[in-house]
């Protein structure tokens, strides 16, 4: 969410996530970083493992493919955790709003 959306909703800072308070895009958060690094590692790993005839390059390619797969799994896990945390914060915000009478 952008800063304008929070101004419209008037959500107090304690109910905003770190990324939302600092106006970070998804690619600047840990799940986004892991996603982009994982995709890049898989791409480079595929190039190294398929193209060259040198065995050492092929080994490096396989390692990059494996590392990219691990990063993609980590990205998914981090995204799920982030989503659960945001949902919990939103539920707390709704409860707070109900207590405030609004």
C-alpha atoms as a PDB file:
ATOM      1  CA  UNK A   1       0.000   0.000   0.000  1.00  0.00           C
ATOM      2  CA  UNK A   2       1.194   3.483  -0.740  1.00  0.00           C
ATOM      3  CA  UNK A   3       1.388   6.308   1.761  1.00  0.00           C
ATOM      4  CA  UNK A   4      -1.772   7.856   0.288  1.00  0.00           C
ATOM      5  CA  UNK A   5      -3.774   4.733   1.091  1.00  0.00           C
ATOM      6  CA  UNK A   6      -2.744   4.885   4.735  1.00  0.00           C
ATOM      7  CA  UNK A   7      -3.648   8.524   4.935  1.00  0.00           C
ATOM      8  CA  UNK A   8      -7.093   7.640   3.613  1.00  0.00           C
ATOM      9  CA  UNK A   9      -7.511   4.709   6.001  1.00  0.00           C
ATOM     10  CA  UNK A  10      -5.886   6.561   8.907  1.00  0.00           C
ATOM     11  CA  UNK A  11      -4.175   3.394  10.169  1.00  0.00           C
ATOM     12  CA  UNK A  12      -1.916   4.067  13.172  1.00  0.00           C
ATOM     13  CA  UNK A  13       1.761   3.138  12.699  1.00  0.00           C
ATOM     14  CA  UNK A  14       1.623   0.237  15.182  1.00  0.00           C
ATOM     15  CA  UNK A  15      -0.761  -1.574  12.804  1.00  0.00           C
ATOM     16  CA  UNK A  16       1.383  -1.010   9.704  1.00  0.00           C
ATOM     17  CA  UNK A  17       4.097  -3.396   8.574  1.00  0.00           C
ATOM     18  CA  UNK A  18       7.723  -2.278   8.371  1.00  0.00           C
ATOM     19  CA  UNK A  19       7.568  -2.310   4.577  1.00  0.00           C
ATOM     20  CA  UNK A  20       4.405  -0.215   4.541  1.00  0.00           C
ATOM     21  CA  UNK A  21       5.764   2.309   7.042  1.00  0.00           C
ATOM     22  CA  UNK A  22       8.861   2.779   4.882  1.00  0.00           C
ATOM     23  CA  UNK A  23       6.996   2.573   1.554  1.00  0.00           C
ATOM     24  CA  UNK A  24       8.976  -0.405   0.279  1.00  0.00           C
ATOM     25  CA  UNK A  25       7.953  -2.234  -2.867  1.00  0.00           C
ATOM     26  CA  UNK A  26       7.639  -6.023  -2.876  1.00  0.00           C
ATOM     27  CA  UNK A  27      11.020  -6.435  -4.582  1.00  0.00           C
ATOM     28  CA  UNK A  28      12.655  -4.587  -1.664  1.00  0.00           C
ATOM     29  CA  UNK A  29      11.327  -7.003   0.966  1.00  0.00           C
ATOM     30  CA  UNK A  30      13.017 -10.317   1.904  1.00  0.00           C
ATOM     31  CA  UNK A  31      10.512 -12.465  -0.071  1.00  0.00           C
ATOM     32  CA  UNK A  32      10.952 -10.287  -3.137  1.00  0.00           C
ATOM     33  CA  UNK A  33      14.739 -10.309  -2.888  1.00  0.00           C
ATOM     34  CA  UNK A  34      14.780 -14.113  -2.563  1.00  0.00           C
ATOM     35  CA  UNK A  35      12.386 -14.423  -5.515  1.00  0.00           C
ATOM     36  CA  UNK A  36      14.451 -12.285  -7.879  1.00  0.00           C
ATOM     37  CA  UNK A  37      17.769 -13.818  -6.797  1.00  0.00           C
ATOM     38  CA  UNK A  38      16.292 -17.305  -7.199  1.00  0.00           C
ATOM     39  CA  UNK A  39      15.028 -16.586 -10.694  1.00  0.00           C
ATOM     40  CA  UNK A  40      18.354 -15.059 -11.701  1.00  0.00           C
ATOM     41  CA  UNK A  41      20.300 -18.020 -10.275  1.00  0.00           C
ATOM     42  CA  UNK A  42      18.110 -20.504 -12.140  1.00  0.00           C
ATOM     43  CA  UNK A  43      18.525 -18.576 -15.393  1.00  0.00           C
ATOM     44  CA  UNK A  44      22.310 -18.334 -15.082  1.00  0.00           C
ATOM     45  CA  UNK A  45      22.496 -21.939 -13.858  1.00  0.00           C
ATOM     46  CA  UNK A  46      20.566 -23.132 -16.902  1.00  0.00           C
ATOM     47  CA  UNK A  47      22.962 -21.274 -19.178  1.00  0.00           C
ATOM     48  CA  UNK A  48      26.019 -22.703 -17.438  1.00  0.00           C
ATOM     49  CA  UNK A  49      24.711 -26.269 -17.242  1.00  0.00           C
ATOM     50  CA  UNK A  50      23.438 -26.510 -20.821  1.00  0.00           C
ATOM     51  CA  UNK A  51      25.837 -24.547 -22.997  1.00  0.00           C
ATOM     52  CA  UNK A  52      29.477 -25.304 -22.121  1.00  0.00           C
ATOM     53  CA  UNK A  53      31.486 -28.411 -22.702  1.00  0.00           C
ATOM     54  CA  UNK A  54      33.719 -27.778 -19.691  1.00  0.00           C
ATOM     55  CA  UNK A  55      32.832 -30.009 -16.733  1.00  0.00           C
ATOM     56  CA  UNK A  56      33.598 -27.353 -14.122  1.00  0.00           C
ATOM     57  CA  UNK A  57      31.168 -24.933 -15.734  1.00  0.00           C
ATOM     58  CA  UNK A  58      28.493 -27.617 -15.771  1.00  0.00           C
ATOM     59  CA  UNK A  59      29.015 -28.269 -12.041  1.00  0.00           C
ATOM     60  CA  UNK A  60      28.714 -24.539 -11.341  1.00  0.00           C
ATOM     61  CA  UNK A  61      25.513 -24.502 -13.397  1.00  0.00           C
ATOM     62  CA  UNK A  62      24.012 -27.342 -11.389  1.00  0.00           C
ATOM     63  CA  UNK A  63      24.954 -25.609  -8.143  1.00  0.00           C
ATOM     64  CA  UNK A  64      23.298 -22.413  -9.353  1.00  0.00           C
ATOM     65  CA  UNK A  65      20.163 -24.349 -10.330  1.00  0.00           C
ATOM     66  CA  UNK A  66      20.013 -25.925  -6.882  1.00  0.00           C
ATOM     67  CA  UNK A  67      20.669 -22.614  -5.142  1.00  0.00           C
ATOM     68  CA  UNK A  68      18.006 -20.922  -7.233  1.00  0.00           C
ATOM     69  CA  UNK A  69      15.484 -23.603  -6.331  1.00  0.00           C
ATOM     70  CA  UNK A  70      16.299 -23.153  -2.631  1.00  0.00           C
ATOM     71  CA  UNK A  71      15.861 -19.387  -2.960  1.00  0.00           C
ATOM     72  CA  UNK A  72      12.483 -19.811  -4.669  1.00  0.00           C
ATOM     73  CA  UNK A  73      11.286 -22.070  -1.862  1.00  0.00           C
ATOM     74  CA  UNK A  74      12.601 -19.578   0.708  1.00  0.00           C
ATOM     75  CA  UNK A  75      10.786 -16.791  -1.117  1.00  0.00           C
ATOM     76  CA  UNK A  76       7.510 -18.701  -0.923  1.00  0.00           C
ATOM     77  CA  UNK A  77       7.964 -19.449   2.793  1.00  0.00           C
ATOM     78  CA  UNK A  78       8.859 -15.838   3.561  1.00  0.00           C
ATOM     79  CA  UNK A  79       5.893 -14.612   1.541  1.00  0.00           C
ATOM     80  CA  UNK A  80       3.501 -16.863   3.493  1.00  0.00           C
ATOM     81  CA  UNK A  81       4.944 -15.620   6.810  1.00  0.00           C
ATOM     82  CA  UNK A  82       4.666 -12.010   5.648  1.00  0.00           C
ATOM     83  CA  UNK A  83       1.064 -12.560   4.557  1.00  0.00           C
ATOM     84  CA  UNK A  84       0.103 -14.127   7.904  1.00  0.00           C
ATOM     85  CA  UNK A  85       1.766 -11.254   9.781  1.00  0.00           C
ATOM     86  CA  UNK A  86      -0.088  -8.678   7.667  1.00  0.00           C
ATOM     87  CA  UNK A  87      -3.400 -10.494   8.195  1.00  0.00           C
ATOM     88  CA  UNK A  88      -2.815 -10.561  11.964  1.00  0.00           C
ATOM     89  CA  UNK A  89      -2.002  -6.846  11.983  1.00  0.00           C
ATOM     90  CA  UNK A  90      -5.136  -6.091   9.990  1.00  0.00           C
ATOM     91  CA  UNK A  91      -7.289  -8.129  12.400  1.00  0.00           C
ATOM     92  CA  UNK A  92      -5.724  -6.233  15.325  1.00  0.00           C
ATOM     93  CA  UNK A  93      -6.478  -2.979  13.532  1.00  0.00           C
ATOM     94  CA  UNK A  94     -10.122  -3.954  12.979  1.00  0.00           C
ATOM     95  CA  UNK A  95     -10.442  -4.933  16.655  1.00  0.00           C
ATOM     96  CA  UNK A  96      -8.880  -1.616  17.696  1.00  0.00           C
ATOM     97  CA  UNK A  97     -11.205   0.267  15.350  1.00  0.00           C
ATOM     98  CA  UNK A  98     -14.230  -1.536  16.799  1.00  0.00           C
ATOM     99  CA  UNK A  99     -13.101  -0.623  20.330  1.00  0.00           C
ATOM    100  CA  UNK A 100     -12.691   3.006  19.280  1.00  0.00           C
ATOM    101  CA  UNK A 101     -16.305   3.023  18.129  1.00  0.00           C
ATOM    102  CA  UNK A 102     -15.542   3.685  14.498  1.00  0.00           C
END
